């Protein structure tokens, strides 16, 4: 009976550790904001670094099903324009479908035009929201949305 109890406790501890293990985070994101011109135009450069062996889906992904990478930029004062220049990505075929992915490092420029108030472009921080899904050859992680602030 003691042996059975000991085995049960060991199994319970193993299950507890397995459930608390954090999922891998193979994607790192950084952003740099250029200076605005007199008309409030500036470029936000988003850099996504993906661990070797992993990929995220490009935008557009090119197939139905994969979740494409998206970038949304907002600020307290509405932006006049936001243009995200998604690179085409690399073609990848799996399970008979072809889709486009980003691997290693991808740089995505986002051109924005801020509202000009009293002759000066708004300088409030930008709120950047990025959504992506990371996969490797064995598994796809759940889609992830990250939100952060970028200031001058």
Protein backbone atom coordinates (compact mmCIF):
# COMPACT_ATOMS: atom_id res chain seq x y z
CA UNK A 1 0.00 0.00 0.00
CA UNK A 2 2.87 2.37 0.83
CA UNK A 3 4.41 1.67 -2.58
CA UNK A 4 1.13 2.47 -4.36
CA UNK A 5 0.78 5.71 -2.39
CA UNK A 6 4.37 6.69 -3.21
CA UNK A 7 3.83 6.02 -6.92
CA UNK A 8 0.62 8.07 -6.84
CA UNK A 9 2.40 11.01 -5.17
CA UNK A 10 5.26 10.89 -7.70
CA UNK A 11 2.78 10.85 -10.61
CA UNK A 12 0.83 13.73 -9.07
CA UNK A 13 4.00 15.81 -8.75
CA UNK A 14 4.96 15.05 -12.38
CA UNK A 15 1.52 16.13 -13.60
CA UNK A 16 1.72 19.34 -11.55
CA UNK A 17 5.11 20.22 -13.04
CA UNK A 18 3.92 19.42 -16.56
CA UNK A 19 0.93 21.74 -16.18
CA UNK A 20 3.02 24.64 -14.86
CA UNK A 21 5.59 24.44 -17.66
CA UNK A 22 5.37 27.58 -19.79
CA UNK A 23 4.79 27.12 -23.51
CA UNK A 24 7.71 28.13 -25.73
CA UNK A 25 7.86 31.76 -26.84
CA UNK A 26 9.83 31.53 -30.09
CA UNK A 27 8.97 35.07 -31.20
CA UNK A 28 10.44 38.37 -29.95
CA UNK A 29 9.18 41.77 -31.09
CA UNK A 30 10.79 45.20 -30.97
CA UNK A 31 9.83 48.55 -32.48
CA UNK A 32 11.56 51.82 -33.23
CA UNK A 33 9.80 55.07 -34.03
CA UNK A 34 11.30 57.62 -36.40
CA UNK A 35 10.87 61.36 -35.92
CA UNK A 36 7.73 62.95 -37.41
CA UNK A 37 8.04 65.50 -40.18
CA UNK A 38 6.16 68.82 -40.12
CA UNK A 39 3.04 67.15 -41.53
CA UNK A 40 3.03 64.41 -38.89
CA UNK A 41 4.34 61.59 -41.11
CA UNK A 42 6.70 59.08 -39.54
CA UNK A 43 7.77 55.45 -39.79
CA UNK A 44 7.42 52.83 -37.08
CA UNK A 45 9.82 49.96 -37.76
CA UNK A 46 8.63 46.67 -36.27
CA UNK A 47 11.25 43.91 -36.05
CA UNK A 48 10.09 40.36 -35.38
CA UNK A 49 12.75 37.79 -34.48
CA UNK A 50 11.72 34.14 -34.83
CA UNK A 51 13.75 31.27 -33.34
CA UNK A 52 15.36 28.82 -35.76
CA UNK A 53 12.97 26.01 -36.68
CA UNK A 54 9.87 28.17 -36.12
CA UNK A 55 7.86 30.39 -38.46
CA UNK A 56 4.91 32.78 -38.28
CA UNK A 57 2.42 33.29 -41.08
CA UNK A 58 2.92 36.17 -43.49
CA UNK A 59 0.22 38.68 -44.40
CA UNK A 60 -1.43 37.56 -46.54
CA UNK A 61 -0.79 33.94 -45.60
CA UNK A 62 -1.97 32.69 -48.99
CA UNK A 63 -4.07 29.77 -47.75
CA UNK A 64 -7.23 29.49 -45.76
CA UNK A 65 -6.72 28.52 -42.16
CA UNK A 66 -3.39 29.99 -41.04
CA UNK A 67 -3.65 33.15 -38.98
CA UNK A 68 -1.71 35.93 -40.74
CA UNK A 69 0.52 38.32 -38.84
CA UNK A 70 -1.27 41.62 -38.27
CA UNK A 71 -0.11 44.95 -36.89
CA UNK A 72 -2.49 47.62 -35.59
CA UNK A 73 -1.32 51.08 -34.47
CA UNK A 74 -3.42 53.51 -32.46
CA UNK A 75 -2.92 56.65 -30.41
CA UNK A 76 -5.02 58.89 -28.15
CA UNK A 77 -5.57 61.28 -31.05
CA UNK A 78 -6.84 59.44 -34.13
CA UNK A 79 -4.17 58.81 -36.74
CA UNK A 80 -4.86 60.25 -40.19
CA UNK A 81 -3.26 57.29 -41.95
CA UNK A 82 -1.68 53.91 -41.18
CA UNK A 83 0.00 51.85 -43.92
CA UNK A 84 1.58 48.53 -42.96
CA UNK A 85 4.02 47.29 -45.63
CA UNK A 86 3.97 43.54 -44.98
CA UNK A 87 6.81 41.73 -46.80
CA UNK A 88 5.67 38.83 -49.02
CA UNK A 89 7.25 36.09 -46.90
CA UNK A 90 8.62 32.74 -48.06
CA UNK A 91 6.43 30.14 -49.81
CA UNK A 92 6.03 26.90 -47.85
CA UNK A 93 4.05 23.81 -48.83
CA UNK A 94 2.67 21.50 -46.19
CA UNK A 95 -0.16 18.96 -46.33
CA UNK A 96 -0.78 19.87 -49.97
CA UNK A 97 -1.35 23.59 -49.29
CA UNK A 98 1.00 26.43 -50.09
CA UNK A 99 1.17 29.39 -47.76
CA UNK A 100 3.61 32.19 -46.96
CA UNK A 101 5.66 32.47 -43.77
CA UNK A 102 8.19 34.68 -42.04
CA UNK A 103 11.31 33.01 -40.63
CA UNK A 104 14.40 34.26 -38.77
CA UNK A 105 14.00 38.06 -38.74
CA UNK A 106 11.38 40.11 -40.52
CA UNK A 107 11.27 43.92 -40.59
CA UNK A 108 7.86 45.48 -41.19
CA UNK A 109 7.70 49.24 -41.79
CA UNK A 110 4.52 51.00 -40.74
CA UNK A 111 3.99 54.47 -42.20
CA UNK A 112 1.73 56.64 -40.12
CA UNK A 113 0.48 60.18 -40.34
CA UNK A 114 -0.41 61.83 -37.09
CA UNK A 115 -3.01 64.51 -36.58
CA UNK A 116 -1.54 68.01 -36.57
CA UNK A 117 -2.81 70.13 -33.66
CA UNK A 118 -2.02 73.88 -33.53
CA UNK A 119 0.60 73.45 -36.25
CA UNK A 120 2.40 70.62 -34.43
CA UNK A 121 2.06 66.87 -34.99
CA UNK A 122 0.60 64.93 -32.07
CA UNK A 123 3.37 63.26 -30.05
CA UNK A 124 1.35 60.98 -27.79
CA UNK A 125 2.65 57.39 -27.44
CA UNK A 126 1.58 54.81 -29.99
CA UNK A 127 -0.20 51.65 -28.91
CA UNK A 128 0.98 48.79 -31.11
CA UNK A 129 -0.94 45.50 -31.25
CA UNK A 130 0.60 42.52 -33.04
CA UNK A 131 -1.17 39.21 -33.61
CA UNK A 132 0.60 36.13 -34.97
CA UNK A 133 0.70 32.36 -34.82
CA UNK A 134 4.01 30.53 -34.43
CA UNK A 135 4.51 26.99 -35.72
CA UNK A 136 7.31 24.50 -36.22
CA UNK A 137 7.26 21.16 -38.06
CA UNK A 138 5.50 19.40 -35.17
CA UNK A 139 3.16 21.91 -33.54
CA UNK A 140 1.40 25.24 -33.90
CA UNK A 141 1.10 27.35 -30.78
CA UNK A 142 -2.20 29.12 -30.09
CA UNK A 143 -2.44 32.54 -31.77
CA UNK A 144 -0.85 35.25 -29.64
CA UNK A 145 -1.66 38.95 -29.37
CA UNK A 146 0.85 41.30 -27.81
CA UNK A 147 0.28 44.97 -27.07
CA UNK A 148 2.90 47.55 -26.16
CA UNK A 149 3.52 51.28 -26.20
CA UNK A 150 6.12 53.15 -28.26
CA UNK A 151 7.15 56.75 -27.60
CA UNK A 152 9.50 59.23 -29.24
